[in-house]
PDB file of N, CA and C in Angstrom:
ATOM      1  N   UNK A   1     131.199  42.732  99.598  1.00  0.00           N
ATOM      2  CA  UNK A   1     132.570  42.277  99.532  1.00  0.00           C
ATOM      3  C   UNK A   1     132.634  40.817  99.955  1.00  0.00           C
ATOM      4  N   UNK A   2     133.535  40.122  99.388  1.00  0.00           N
ATOM      5  CA  UNK A   2     133.708  38.721  99.738  1.00  0.00           C
ATOM      6  C   UNK A   2     135.019  38.562 100.482  1.00  0.00           C
ATOM      7  N   UNK A   3     134.960  37.917 101.578  1.00  0.00           N
ATOM      8  CA  UNK A   3     136.154  37.563 102.318  1.00  0.00           C
ATOM      9  C   UNK A   3     135.940  36.177 102.913  1.00  0.00           C
ATOM     10  N   UNK A   4     136.985  35.515 103.225  1.00  0.00           N
ATOM     11  CA  UNK A   4     136.913  34.257 103.945  1.00  0.00           C
ATOM     12  C   UNK A   4     137.457  33.095 103.139  1.00  0.00           C
ATOM     13  N   UNK A   5     138.721  32.753 103.052  1.00  0.00           N
ATOM     14  CA  UNK A   5     139.284  31.822 102.087  1.00  0.00           C
ATOM     15  C   UNK A   5     140.080  30.652 102.589  1.00  0.00           C
ATOM     16  N   UNK A   6     140.919  30.107 101.754  1.00  0.00           N
ATOM     17  CA  UNK A   6     141.728  28.943 102.074  1.00  0.00           C
ATOM     18  C   UNK A   6     143.160  29.301 102.443  1.00  0.00           C
ATOM     19  N   UNK A   7     143.612  30.498 102.077  1.00  0.00           N
ATOM     20  CA  UNK A   7     144.946  30.898 102.495  1.00  0.00           C
ATOM     21  C   UNK A   7     144.821  31.653 103.806  1.00  0.00           C
ATOM     22  N   UNK A   8     145.892  31.720 104.571  1.00  0.00           N
ATOM     23  CA  UNK A   8     145.837  32.381 105.869  1.00  0.00           C
ATOM     24  C   UNK A   8     146.542  33.730 105.789  1.00  0.00           C
ATOM     25  N   UNK A   9     145.869  34.765 106.268  1.00  0.00           N
ATOM     26  CA  UNK A   9     146.437  36.105 106.304  1.00  0.00           C
ATOM     27  C   UNK A   9     147.181  36.335 107.600  1.00  0.00           C
ATOM     28  N   UNK A  10     147.491  37.617 107.857  1.00  0.00           N
ATOM     29  CA  UNK A  10     148.250  37.980 109.055  1.00  0.00           C
ATOM     30  C   UNK A  10     147.581  37.493 110.337  1.00  0.00           C
ATOM     31  N   UNK A  11     146.251  37.644 110.396  1.00  0.00           N
ATOM     32  CA  UNK A  11     145.524  37.260 111.594  1.00  0.00           C
ATOM     33  C   UNK A  11     145.231  35.772 111.654  1.00  0.00           C
ATOM     34  N   UNK A  12     145.796  35.005 110.745  1.00  0.00           N
ATOM     35  CA  UNK A  12     145.628  33.548 110.668  1.00  0.00           C
ATOM     36  C   UNK A  12     144.183  33.135 110.410  1.00  0.00           C
ATOM     37  N   UNK A  13     143.350  34.086 109.907  1.00  0.00           N
ATOM     38  CA  UNK A  13     141.989  33.761 109.508  1.00  0.00           C
ATOM     39  C   UNK A  13     142.064  33.057 108.165  1.00  0.00           C
ATOM     40  N   UNK A  14     141.308  32.003 107.978  1.00  0.00           N
ATOM     41  CA  UNK A  14     141.315  31.302 106.692  1.00  0.00           C
ATOM     42  C   UNK A  14     140.365  32.007 105.729  1.00  0.00           C
ATOM     43  N   UNK A  15     140.806  32.143 104.482  1.00  0.00           N
ATOM     44  CA  UNK A  15     140.026  32.804 103.453  1.00  0.00           C
ATOM     45  C   UNK A  15     139.637  31.804 102.357  1.00  0.00           C
ATOM     46  N   UNK A  16     138.499  32.047 101.710  1.00  0.00           N
ATOM     47  CA  UNK A  16     138.036  31.154 100.651  1.00  0.00           C
ATOM     48  C   UNK A  16     138.369  31.675  99.262  1.00  0.00           C
ATOM     49  N   UNK A  17     139.029  32.811  99.184  1.00  0.00           N
ATOM     50  CA  UNK A  17     139.360  33.409  97.894  1.00  0.00           C
ATOM     51  C   UNK A  17     140.266  32.495  97.076  1.00  0.00           C
ATOM     52  N   UNK A  18     140.127  32.586  95.758  1.00  0.00           N
ATOM     53  CA  UNK A  18     140.905  31.788  94.819  1.00  0.00           C
ATOM     54  C   UNK A  18     141.852  32.720  94.065  1.00  0.00           C
ATOM     55  N   UNK A  19     143.136  32.356  94.026  1.00  0.00           N
ATOM     56  CA  UNK A  19     144.094  33.157  93.273  1.00  0.00           C
ATOM     57  C   UNK A  19     143.909  32.896  91.788  1.00  0.00           C
ATOM     58  N   UNK A  20     143.855  33.975  90.994  1.00  0.00           N
ATOM     59  CA  UNK A  20     143.718  33.837  89.543  1.00  0.00           C
ATOM     60  C   UNK A  20     145.055  33.985  88.833  1.00  0.00           C
ATOM     61  N   UNK A  21     145.831  34.984  89.208  1.00  0.00           N
ATOM     62  CA  UNK A  21     147.118  35.214  88.548  1.00  0.00           C
ATOM     63  C   UNK A  21     147.914  36.284  89.284  1.00  0.00           C
ATOM     64  N   UNK A  22     149.198  36.303  89.014  1.00  0.00           N
ATOM     65  CA  UNK A  22     150.041  37.425  89.395  1.00  0.00           C
ATOM     66  C   UNK A  22     150.075  38.378  88.218  1.00  0.00           C
ATOM     67  N   UNK A  23     150.201  39.661  88.471  1.00  0.00           N
ATOM     68  CA  UNK A  23     150.257  40.652  87.401  1.00  0.00           C
ATOM     69  C   UNK A  23     151.631  41.310  87.407  1.00  0.00           C
ATOM     70  N   UNK A  24     152.253  41.347  86.249  1.00  0.00           N
ATOM     71  CA  UNK A  24     153.615  41.836  86.109  1.00  0.00           C
ATOM     72  C   UNK A  24     153.639  43.123  85.292  1.00  0.00           C
ATOM     73  N   UNK A  25     154.504  44.040  85.670  1.00  0.00           N
ATOM     74  CA  UNK A  25     154.653  45.315  84.974  1.00  0.00           C
ATOM     75  C   UNK A  25     155.229  45.073  83.575  1.00  0.00           C
ATOM     76  N   UNK A  26     154.739  45.829  82.617  1.00  0.00           N
ATOM     77  CA  UNK A  26     155.241  45.746  81.251  1.00  0.00           C
ATOM     78  C   UNK A  26     155.969  47.037  80.898  1.00  0.00           C
ATOM     79  N   UNK A  27     156.486  47.098  79.699  1.00  0.00           N
ATOM     80  CA  UNK A  27     157.159  48.308  79.244  1.00  0.00           C
ATOM     81  C   UNK A  27     156.164  49.427  78.955  1.00  0.00           C
ATOM     82  N   UNK A  28     154.905  49.091  78.720  1.00  0.00           N
ATOM     83  CA  UNK A  28     153.864  50.086  78.466  1.00  0.00           C
ATOM     84  C   UNK A  28     153.395  50.659  79.799  1.00  0.00           C
ATOM     85  N   UNK A  29     153.492  51.957  79.960  1.00  0.00           N
ATOM     86  CA  UNK A  29     153.128  52.623  81.212  1.00  0.00           C
ATOM     87  C   UNK A  29     151.702  52.264  81.636  1.00  0.00           C
ATOM     88  N   UNK A  30     151.558  51.809  82.871  1.00  0.00           N
ATOM     89  CA  UNK A  30     150.249  51.502  83.430  1.00  0.00           C
ATOM     90  C   UNK A  30     149.697  50.137  83.066  1.00  0.00           C
ATOM     91  N   UNK A  31     150.414  49.352  82.268  1.00  0.00           N
ATOM     92  CA  UNK A  31     149.922  48.038  81.851  1.00  0.00           C
ATOM     93  C   UNK A  31     150.615  46.929  82.635  1.00  0.00           C
ATOM     94  N   UNK A  32     149.820  46.065  83.238  1.00  0.00           N
ATOM     95  CA  UNK A  32     150.305  44.892  83.960  1.00  0.00           C
ATOM     96  C   UNK A  32     149.622  43.681  83.360  1.00  0.00           C
ATOM     97  N   UNK A  33     150.343  42.588  83.160  1.00  0.00           N
ATOM     98  CA  UNK A  33     149.749  41.396  82.561  1.00  0.00           C
ATOM     99  C   UNK A  33     150.058  40.161  83.391  1.00  0.00           C
ATOM    100  N   UNK A  34     149.200  39.170  83.253  1.00  0.00           N
ATOM    101  CA  UNK A  34     149.396  37.890  83.913  1.00  0.00           C
ATOM    102  C   UNK A  34     148.605  36.837  83.170  1.00  0.00           C
ATOM    103  N   UNK A  35     148.933  35.589  83.396  1.00  0.00           N
ATOM    104  CA  UNK A  35     148.193  34.504  82.753  1.00  0.00           C
ATOM    105  C   UNK A  35     147.919  33.417  83.778  1.00  0.00           C
ATOM    106  N   UNK A  36     146.929  32.613  83.479  1.00  0.00           N
ATOM    107  CA  UNK A  36     146.555  31.517  84.365  1.00  0.00           C
ATOM    108  C   UNK A  36     146.681  30.192  83.627  1.00  0.00           C
ATOM    109  N   UNK A  37     146.835  29.122  84.402  1.00  0.00           N
ATOM    110  CA  UNK A  37     146.922  27.784  83.827  1.00  0.00           C
ATOM    111  C   UNK A  37     146.032  26.829  84.612  1.00  0.00           C
ATOM    112  N   UNK A  38     146.104  25.555  84.268  1.00  0.00           N
ATOM    113  CA  UNK A  38     145.253  24.494  84.785  1.00  0.00           C
ATOM    114  C   UNK A  38     144.775  24.589  86.215  1.00  0.00           C
ATOM    115  N   UNK A  39     145.695  24.596  87.161  1.00  0.00           N
ATOM    116  CA  UNK A  39     145.317  24.609  88.578  1.00  0.00           C
ATOM    117  C   UNK A  39     144.435  25.815  88.909  1.00  0.00           C
ATOM    118  N   UNK A  40     144.805  26.990  88.380  1.00  0.00           N
ATOM    119  CA  UNK A  40     144.029  28.196  88.646  1.00  0.00           C
ATOM    120  C   UNK A  40     142.670  28.128  87.960  1.00  0.00           C
ATOM    121  N   UNK A  41     142.627  27.578  86.723  1.00  0.00           N
ATOM    122  CA  UNK A  41     141.354  27.442  86.011  1.00  0.00           C
ATOM    123  C   UNK A  41     140.387  26.576  86.793  1.00  0.00           C
ATOM    124  N   UNK A  42     140.862  25.421  87.252  1.00  0.00           N
ATOM    125  CA  UNK A  42     139.997  24.493  87.982  1.00  0.00           C
ATOM    126  C   UNK A  42     139.370  25.162  89.198  1.00  0.00           C
ATOM    127  N   UNK A  43     140.177  25.894  89.950  1.00  0.00           N
ATOM    128  CA  UNK A  43     139.670  26.571  91.153  1.00  0.00           C
ATOM    129  C   UNK A  43     138.709  27.699  90.787  1.00  0.00           C
ATOM    130  N   UNK A  44     139.027  28.441  89.719  1.00  0.00           N
ATOM    131  CA  UNK A  44     138.156  29.540  89.291  1.00  0.00           C
ATOM    132  C   UNK A  44     136.813  29.002  88.800  1.00  0.00           C
ATOM    133  N   UNK A  45     136.838  27.938  88.013  1.00  0.00           N
ATOM    134  CA  UNK A  45     135.598  27.328  87.508  1.00  0.00           C
ATOM    135  C   UNK A  45     134.749  26.820  88.672  1.00  0.00           C
ATOM    136  N   UNK A  46     135.385  26.184  89.648  1.00  0.00           N
ATOM    137  CA  UNK A  46     134.648  25.693  90.822  1.00  0.00           C
ATOM    138  C   UNK A  46     134.008  26.849  91.582  1.00  0.00           C
ATOM    139  N   UNK A  47     134.730  27.972  91.702  1.00  0.00           N
ATOM    140  CA  UNK A  47     134.203  29.139  92.415  1.00  0.00           C
ATOM    141  C   UNK A  47     133.037  29.760  91.644  1.00  0.00           C
ATOM    142  N   UNK A  48     133.136  29.810  90.321  1.00  0.00           N
ATOM    143  CA  UNK A  48     132.042  30.355  89.499  1.00  0.00           C
ATOM    144  C   UNK A  48     130.810  29.454  89.584  1.00  0.00           C
ATOM    145  N   UNK A  49     131.004  28.123  89.542  1.00  0.00           N
ATOM    146  CA  UNK A  49     129.883  27.195  89.691  1.00  0.00           C
ATOM    147  C   UNK A  49     129.223  27.362  91.061  1.00  0.00           C
ATOM    148  N   UNK A  50     130.043  27.562  92.085  1.00  0.00           N
ATOM    149  CA  UNK A  50     129.520  27.795  93.442  1.00  0.00           C
ATOM    150  C   UNK A  50     128.681  29.072  93.467  1.00  0.00           C
ATOM    151  N   UNK A  51     129.147  30.124  92.784  1.00  0.00           N
ATOM    152  CA  UNK A  51     128.411  31.391  92.727  1.00  0.00           C
ATOM    153  C   UNK A  51     127.084  31.219  91.991  1.00  0.00           C
ATOM    154  N   UNK A  52     127.100  30.492  90.878  1.00  0.00           N
ATOM    155  CA  UNK A  52     125.871  30.260  90.114  1.00  0.00           C
ATOM    156  C   UNK A  52     124.862  29.486  90.955  1.00  0.00           C
ATOM    157  N   UNK A  53     125.333  28.439  91.629  1.00  0.00           N
ATOM    158  CA  UNK A  53     124.448  27.624  92.473  1.00  0.00           C
ATOM    159  C   UNK A  53     123.841  28.454  93.602  1.00  0.00           C
ATOM    160  N   UNK A  54     124.656  29.355  94.184  1.00  0.00           N
ATOM    161  CA  UNK A  54     124.189  30.209  95.289  1.00  0.00           C
ATOM    162  C   UNK A  54     123.467  31.460  94.789  1.00  0.00           C
ATOM    163  N   UNK A  55     123.375  31.611  93.453  1.00  0.00           N
ATOM    164  CA  UNK A  55     122.753  32.792  92.833  1.00  0.00           C
ATOM    165  C   UNK A  55     123.419  34.074  93.316  1.00  0.00           C
ATOM    166  N   UNK A  56     124.750  34.043  93.309  1.00  0.00           N
ATOM    167  CA  UNK A  56     125.547  35.199  93.711  1.00  0.00           C
ATOM    168  C   UNK A  56     126.501  35.549  92.588  1.00  0.00           C
ATOM    169  N   UNK A  57     127.077  36.706  92.684  1.00  0.00           N
ATOM    170  CA  UNK A  57     128.128  37.103  91.751  1.00  0.00           C
ATOM    171  C   UNK A  57     129.476  36.760  92.366  1.00  0.00           C
ATOM    172  N   UNK A  58     130.523  37.247  91.726  1.00  0.00           N
ATOM    173  CA  UNK A  58     131.861  37.088  92.275  1.00  0.00           C
ATOM    174  C   UNK A  58     132.484  38.465  92.463  1.00  0.00           C
ATOM    175  N   UNK A  59     133.377  38.547  93.414  1.00  0.00           N
ATOM    176  CA  UNK A  59     134.115  39.771  93.706  1.00  0.00           C
ATOM    177  C   UNK A  59     135.581  39.502  93.407  1.00  0.00           C
ATOM    178  N   UNK A  60     136.247  40.488  92.813  1.00  0.00           N
ATOM    179  CA  UNK A  60     137.669  40.370  92.501  1.00  0.00           C
ATOM    180  C   UNK A  60     138.470  41.247  93.450  1.00  0.00           C
ATOM    181  N   UNK A  61     139.639  40.754  93.850  1.00  0.00           N
ATOM    182  CA  UNK A  61     140.528  41.471  94.750  1.00  0.00           C
ATOM    183  C   UNK A  61     141.880  41.628  94.077  1.00  0.00           C
ATOM    184  N   UNK A  62     142.381  42.818  94.063  1.00  0.00           N
ATOM    185  CA  UNK A  62     143.698  43.085  93.510  1.00  0.00           C
ATOM    186  C   UNK A  62     144.595  43.504  94.671  1.00  0.00           C
ATOM    187  N   UNK A  63     145.562  42.660  94.988  1.00  0.00           N
ATOM    188  CA  UNK A  63     146.476  42.917  96.103  1.00  0.00           C
ATOM    189  C   UNK A  63     147.811  43.404  95.566  1.00  0.00           C
ATOM    190  N   UNK A  64     148.311  44.496  96.121  1.00  0.00           N
ATOM    191  CA  UNK A  64     149.640  44.985  95.782  1.00  0.00           C
ATOM    192  C   UNK A  64     150.640  44.163  96.582  1.00  0.00           C
ATOM    193  N   UNK A  65     151.595  43.555  95.893  1.00  0.00           N
ATOM    194  CA  UNK A  65     152.582  42.694  96.539  1.00  0.00           C
ATOM    195  C   UNK A  65     153.778  43.475  97.048  1.00  0.00           C
ATOM    196  N   UNK A  66     154.435  42.924  98.044  1.00  0.00           N
ATOM    197  CA  UNK A  66     155.689  43.461  98.548  1.00  0.00           C
ATOM    198  C   UNK A  66     156.761  43.137  97.516  1.00  0.00           C
ATOM    199  N   UNK A  67     157.422  44.148  96.934  1.00  0.00           N
ATOM    200  CA  UNK A  67     158.409  43.869  95.889  1.00  0.00           C
ATOM    201  C   UNK A  67     159.599  43.044  96.361  1.00  0.00           C
ATOM    202  N   UNK A  68     159.840  43.009  97.666  1.00  0.00           N
ATOM    203  CA  UNK A  68     160.931  42.192  98.204  1.00  0.00           C
ATOM    204  C   UNK A  68     160.547  40.722  98.317  1.00  0.00           C
ATOM    205  N   UNK A  69     159.250  40.430  98.237  1.00  0.00           N
ATOM    206  CA  UNK A  69     158.788  39.060  98.434  1.00  0.00           C
ATOM    207  C   UNK A  69     158.193  38.422  97.190  1.00  0.00           C
ATOM    208  N   UNK A  70     157.931  39.221  96.138  1.00  0.00           N
ATOM    209  CA  UNK A  70     157.297  38.675  94.944  1.00  0.00           C
ATOM    210  C   UNK A  70     157.756  39.434  93.710  1.00  0.00           C
ATOM    211  N   UNK A  71     157.949  38.689  92.613  1.00  0.00           N
ATOM    212  CA  UNK A  71     158.271  39.331  91.340  1.00  0.00           C
ATOM    213  C   UNK A  71     157.031  39.999  90.752  1.00  0.00           C
ATOM    214  N   UNK A  72     155.847  39.458  91.051  1.00  0.00           N
ATOM    215  CA  UNK A  72     154.600  40.037  90.547  1.00  0.00           C
ATOM    216  C   UNK A  72     154.279  41.309  91.334  1.00  0.00           C
ATOM    217  N   UNK A  73     153.908  42.373  90.626  1.00  0.00           N
ATOM    218  CA  UNK A  73     153.551  43.629  91.287  1.00  0.00           C
ATOM    219  C   UNK A  73     152.229  43.493  92.039  1.00  0.00           C
ATOM    220  N   UNK A  74     151.300  42.703  91.475  1.00  0.00           N
ATOM    221  CA  UNK A  74     149.979  42.516  92.063  1.00  0.00           C
ATOM    222  C   UNK A  74     149.593  41.046  91.969  1.00  0.00           C
ATOM    223  N   UNK A  75     148.603  40.642  92.773  1.00  0.00           N
ATOM    224  CA  UNK A  75     147.999  39.322  92.661  1.00  0.00           C
ATOM    225  C   UNK A  75     146.491  39.509  92.621  1.00  0.00           C
ATOM    226  N   UNK A  76     145.848  38.823  91.682  1.00  0.00           N
ATOM    227  CA  UNK A  76     144.407  38.933  91.501  1.00  0.00           C
ATOM    228  C   UNK A  76     143.724  37.690  92.073  1.00  0.00           C
ATOM    229  N   UNK A  77     142.730  37.911  92.948  1.00  0.00           N
ATOM    230  CA  UNK A  77     141.954  36.840  93.566  1.00  0.00           C
ATOM    231  C   UNK A  77     140.482  37.052  93.251  1.00  0.00           C
ATOM    232  N   UNK A  78     139.696  36.003  93.421  1.00  0.00           N
ATOM    233  CA  UNK A  78     138.240  36.115  93.310  1.00  0.00           C
ATOM    234  C   UNK A  78     137.583  35.296  94.414  1.00  0.00           C
ATOM    235  N   UNK A  79     136.347  35.677  94.747  1.00  0.00           N
ATOM    236  CA  UNK A  79     135.574  34.942  95.747  1.00  0.00           C
ATOM    237  C   UNK A  79     134.096  35.215  95.498  1.00  0.00           C
ATOM    238  N   UNK A  80     133.249  34.467  96.179  1.00  0.00           N
ATOM    239  CA  UNK A  80     131.815  34.716  96.094  1.00  0.00           C
ATOM    240  C   UNK A  80     131.510  36.114  96.596  1.00  0.00           C
ATOM    241  N   UNK A  81     130.534  36.761  95.950  1.00  0.00           N
ATOM    242  CA  UNK A  81     130.101  38.077  96.390  1.00  0.00           C
ATOM    243  C   UNK A  81     129.312  37.907  97.679  1.00  0.00           C
ATOM    244  N   UNK A  82     129.736  38.594  98.706  1.00  0.00           N
ATOM    245  CA  UNK A  82     129.056  38.563  99.986  1.00  0.00           C
ATOM    246  C   UNK A  82     128.428  39.927 100.187  1.00  0.00           C
ATOM    247  N   UNK A  83     127.122  40.006 100.143  1.00  0.00           N
ATOM    248  CA  UNK A  83     126.433  41.291 100.165  1.00  0.00           C
ATOM    249  C   UNK A  83     126.467  41.986 101.522  1.00  0.00           C
ATOM    250  N   UNK A  84     126.978  41.328 102.538  1.00  0.00           N
ATOM    251  CA  UNK A  84     127.080  41.968 103.844  1.00  0.00           C
ATOM    252  C   UNK A  84     128.158  43.027 103.795  1.00  0.00           C
ATOM    253  N   UNK A  85     127.865  44.182 104.361  1.00  0.00           N
ATOM    254  CA  UNK A  85     128.846  45.260 104.415  1.00  0.00           C
ATOM    255  C   UNK A  85     129.820  44.954 105.549  1.00  0.00           C
ATOM    256  N   UNK A  86     131.093  44.918 105.219  1.00  0.00           N
ATOM    257  CA  UNK A  86     132.133  44.705 106.222  1.00  0.00           C
ATOM    258  C   UNK A  86     133.090  45.875 106.121  1.00  0.00           C
ATOM    259  N   UNK A  87     133.128  46.683 107.145  1.00  0.00           N
ATOM    260  CA  UNK A  87     133.995  47.854 107.100  1.00  0.00           C
ATOM    261  C   UNK A  87     133.225  49.056 106.605  1.00  0.00           C
ATOM    262  N   UNK A  88     133.949  50.159 106.388  1.00  0.00           N
ATOM    263  CA  UNK A  88     133.281  51.384 105.984  1.00  0.00           C
ATOM    264  C   UNK A  88     133.095  51.443 104.472  1.00  0.00           C
ATOM    265  N   UNK A  89     132.144  52.249 104.059  1.00  0.00           N
ATOM    266  CA  UNK A  89     131.882  52.462 102.647  1.00  0.00           C
ATOM    267  C   UNK A  89     133.051  53.233 102.037  1.00  0.00           C
ATOM    268  N   UNK A  90     133.452  52.852 100.842  1.00  0.00           N
ATOM    269  CA  UNK A  90     134.532  53.551 100.155  1.00  0.00           C
ATOM    270  C   UNK A  90     133.957  54.784  99.475  1.00  0.00           C
ATOM    271  N   UNK A  91     134.470  55.930  99.827  1.00  0.00           N
ATOM    272  CA  UNK A  91     134.049  57.192  99.230  1.00  0.00           C
ATOM    273  C   UNK A  91     135.019  57.557  98.119  1.00  0.00           C
ATOM    274  N   UNK A  92     134.606  58.469  97.237  1.00  0.00           N
ATOM    275  CA  UNK A  92     135.514  58.958  96.199  1.00  0.00           C
ATOM    276  C   UNK A  92     136.775  59.488  96.857  1.00  0.00           C
ATOM    277  N   UNK A  93     137.913  59.124  96.313  1.00  0.00           N
ATOM    278  CA  UNK A  93     139.187  59.583  96.854  1.00  0.00           C
ATOM    279  C   UNK A  93     139.788  58.620  97.852  1.00  0.00           C
ATOM    280  N   UNK A  94     138.975  57.736  98.464  1.00  0.00           N
ATOM    281  CA  UNK A  94     139.482  56.781  99.453  1.00  0.00           C
ATOM    282  C   UNK A  94     140.392  55.738  98.816  1.00  0.00           C
ATOM    283  N   UNK A  95     140.242  55.495  97.522  1.00  0.00           N
ATOM    284  CA  UNK A  95     141.036  54.469  96.872  1.00  0.00           C
ATOM    285  C   UNK A  95     142.513  54.833  96.833  1.00  0.00           C
ATOM    286  N   UNK A  96     142.814  56.128  96.925  1.00  0.00           N
ATOM    287  CA  UNK A  96     144.211  56.560  96.924  1.00  0.00           C
ATOM    288  C   UNK A  96     144.792  56.557  98.328  1.00  0.00           C
ATOM    289  N   UNK A  97     143.972  56.312  99.324  1.00  0.00           N
ATOM    290  CA  UNK A  97     144.408  56.331 100.711  1.00  0.00           C
ATOM    291  C   UNK A  97     144.967  54.973 101.114  1.00  0.00           C
ATOM    292  N   UNK A  98     145.988  54.982 101.951  1.00  0.00           N
ATOM    293  CA  UNK A  98     146.545  53.737 102.480  1.00  0.00           C
ATOM    294  C   UNK A  98     146.110  53.524 103.926  1.00  0.00           C
ATOM    295  N   UNK A  99     145.021  54.194 104.338  1.00  0.00           N
ATOM    296  CA  UNK A  99     144.540  54.067 105.704  1.00  0.00           C
ATOM    297  C   UNK A  99     144.227  52.613 106.019  1.00  0.00           C
ATOM    298  N   UNK A 100     144.715  52.121 107.123  1.00  0.00           N
ATOM    299  CA  UNK A 100     144.486  50.746 107.530  1.00  0.00           C
ATOM    300  C   UNK A 100     145.467  49.775 106.912  1.00  0.00           C
ATOM    301  N   UNK A 101     146.338  50.253 106.042  1.00  0.00           N
ATOM    302  CA  UNK A 101     147.354  49.421 105.399  1.00  0.00           C
ATOM    303  C   UNK A 101     148.542  49.321 106.344  1.00  0.00           C
ATOM    304  N   UNK A 102     148.841  48.112 106.824  1.00  0.00           N
ATOM    305  CA  UNK A 102     149.893  47.915 107.816  1.00  0.00           C
ATOM    306  C   UNK A 102     151.286  47.830 107.214  1.00  0.00           C
ATOM    307  N   UNK A 103     151.369  47.813 105.883  1.00  0.00           N
ATOM    308  CA  UNK A 103     152.669  47.715 105.243  1.00  0.00           C
ATOM    309  C   UNK A 103     153.394  49.048 105.297  1.00  0.00           C
ATOM    310  N   UNK A 104     154.702  48.985 105.104  1.00  0.00           N
ATOM    311  CA  UNK A 104     155.506  50.199 105.030  1.00  0.00           C
ATOM    312  C   UNK A 104     155.112  50.967 103.771  1.00  0.00           C
ATOM    313  N   UNK A 105     155.044  52.310 103.851  1.00  0.00           N
ATOM    314  CA  UNK A 105     154.698  53.064 102.645  1.00  0.00           C
ATOM    315  C   UNK A 105     155.756  52.887 101.572  1.00  0.00           C
ATOM    316  N   UNK A 106     155.300  52.849 100.330  1.00  0.00           N
ATOM    317  CA  UNK A 106     156.221  52.698  99.209  1.00  0.00           C
ATOM    318  C   UNK A 106     156.795  54.046  98.836  1.00  0.00           C
ATOM    319  N   UNK A 107     158.022  54.026  98.335  1.00  0.00           N
ATOM    320  CA  UNK A 107     158.596  55.252  97.814  1.00  0.00           C
ATOM    321  C   UNK A 107     157.906  55.560  96.498  1.00  0.00           C
ATOM    322  N   UNK A 108     157.700  56.864  96.240  1.00  0.00           N
ATOM    323  CA  UNK A 108     157.069  57.263  94.994  1.00  0.00           C
ATOM    324  C   UNK A 108     158.014  56.965  93.842  1.00  0.00           C
ATOM    325  N   UNK A 109     157.555  56.234  92.828  1.00  0.00           N
ATOM    326  CA  UNK A 109     158.427  55.939  91.688  1.00  0.00           C
ATOM    327  C   UNK A 109     158.663  57.203  90.868  1.00  0.00           C
ATOM    328  N   UNK A 110     159.806  57.233  90.206  1.00  0.00           N
ATOM    329  CA  UNK A 110     160.080  58.346  89.322  1.00  0.00           C
ATOM    330  C   UNK A 110     159.096  58.295  88.163  1.00  0.00           C
ATOM    331  N   UNK A 111     158.654  59.460  87.721  1.00  0.00           N
ATOM    332  CA  UNK A 111     157.705  59.532  86.618  1.00  0.00           C
ATOM    333  C   UNK A 111     158.347  58.964  85.352  1.00  0.00           C
ATOM    334  N   UNK A 112     157.681  57.988  84.742  1.00  0.00           N
ATOM    335  CA  UNK A 112     158.178  57.389  83.513  1.00  0.00           C
ATOM    336  C   UNK A 112     157.682  58.213  82.340  1.00  0.00           C
ATOM    337  N   UNK A 113     158.504  58.374  81.337  1.00  0.00           N
ATOM    338  CA  UNK A 113     158.063  59.082  80.154  1.00  0.00           C
ATOM    339  C   UNK A 113     157.284  58.113  79.264  1.00  0.00           C
ATOM    340  N   UNK A 114     156.209  58.603  78.683  1.00  0.00           N
ATOM    341  CA  UNK A 114     155.376  57.798  77.805  1.00  0.00           C
ATOM    342  C   UNK A 114     155.930  57.916  76.389  1.00  0.00           C
ATOM    343  N   UNK A 115     156.340  56.803  75.752  1.00  0.00           N
ATOM    344  CA  UNK A 115     156.926  56.889  74.422  1.00  0.00           C
ATOM    345  C   UNK A 115     155.952  57.395  73.353  1.00  0.00           C
ATOM    346  N   UNK A 116     154.658  57.419  73.658  1.00  0.00           N
ATOM    347  CA  UNK A 116     153.664  57.875  72.684  1.00  0.00           C
ATOM    348  C   UNK A 116     153.312  59.344  72.843  1.00  0.00           C
ATOM    349  N   UNK A 117     153.851  59.994  73.901  1.00  0.00           N
ATOM    350  CA  UNK A 117     153.634  61.431  74.064  1.00  0.00           C
ATOM    351  C   UNK A 117     154.555  62.193  73.126  1.00  0.00           C
ATOM    352  N   UNK A 118     154.004  63.210  72.503  1.00  0.00           N
ATOM    353  CA  UNK A 118     154.847  64.039  71.614  1.00  0.00           C
ATOM    354  C   UNK A 118     155.224  65.324  72.295  1.00  0.00           C
TER     355      UNK A 118
END
């Protein structure tokens, strides 16, 4: 996992992650889209060049945004792949868990009907 960026989180730790885009909900169930422009491209290209020089990959982070603070449902970031294990290993089923998430739990959205279901 890669951590350590230029923006400051809750603990005021600086992170080196680069924001790629915000992702917005569409009318198609389960589809979120976003686009990037100049400033984001420059930072992403610099991060990829840094990864190539260091002979590392990149890691992507998808953050769920607070709907009261952002129009985008999610924000996508990238950073250098850091092979050091930080935290516990994610087991099957852990991805649905909000353990360690300090945010207020979200209300379950009403089930949307899929227009392609017959």
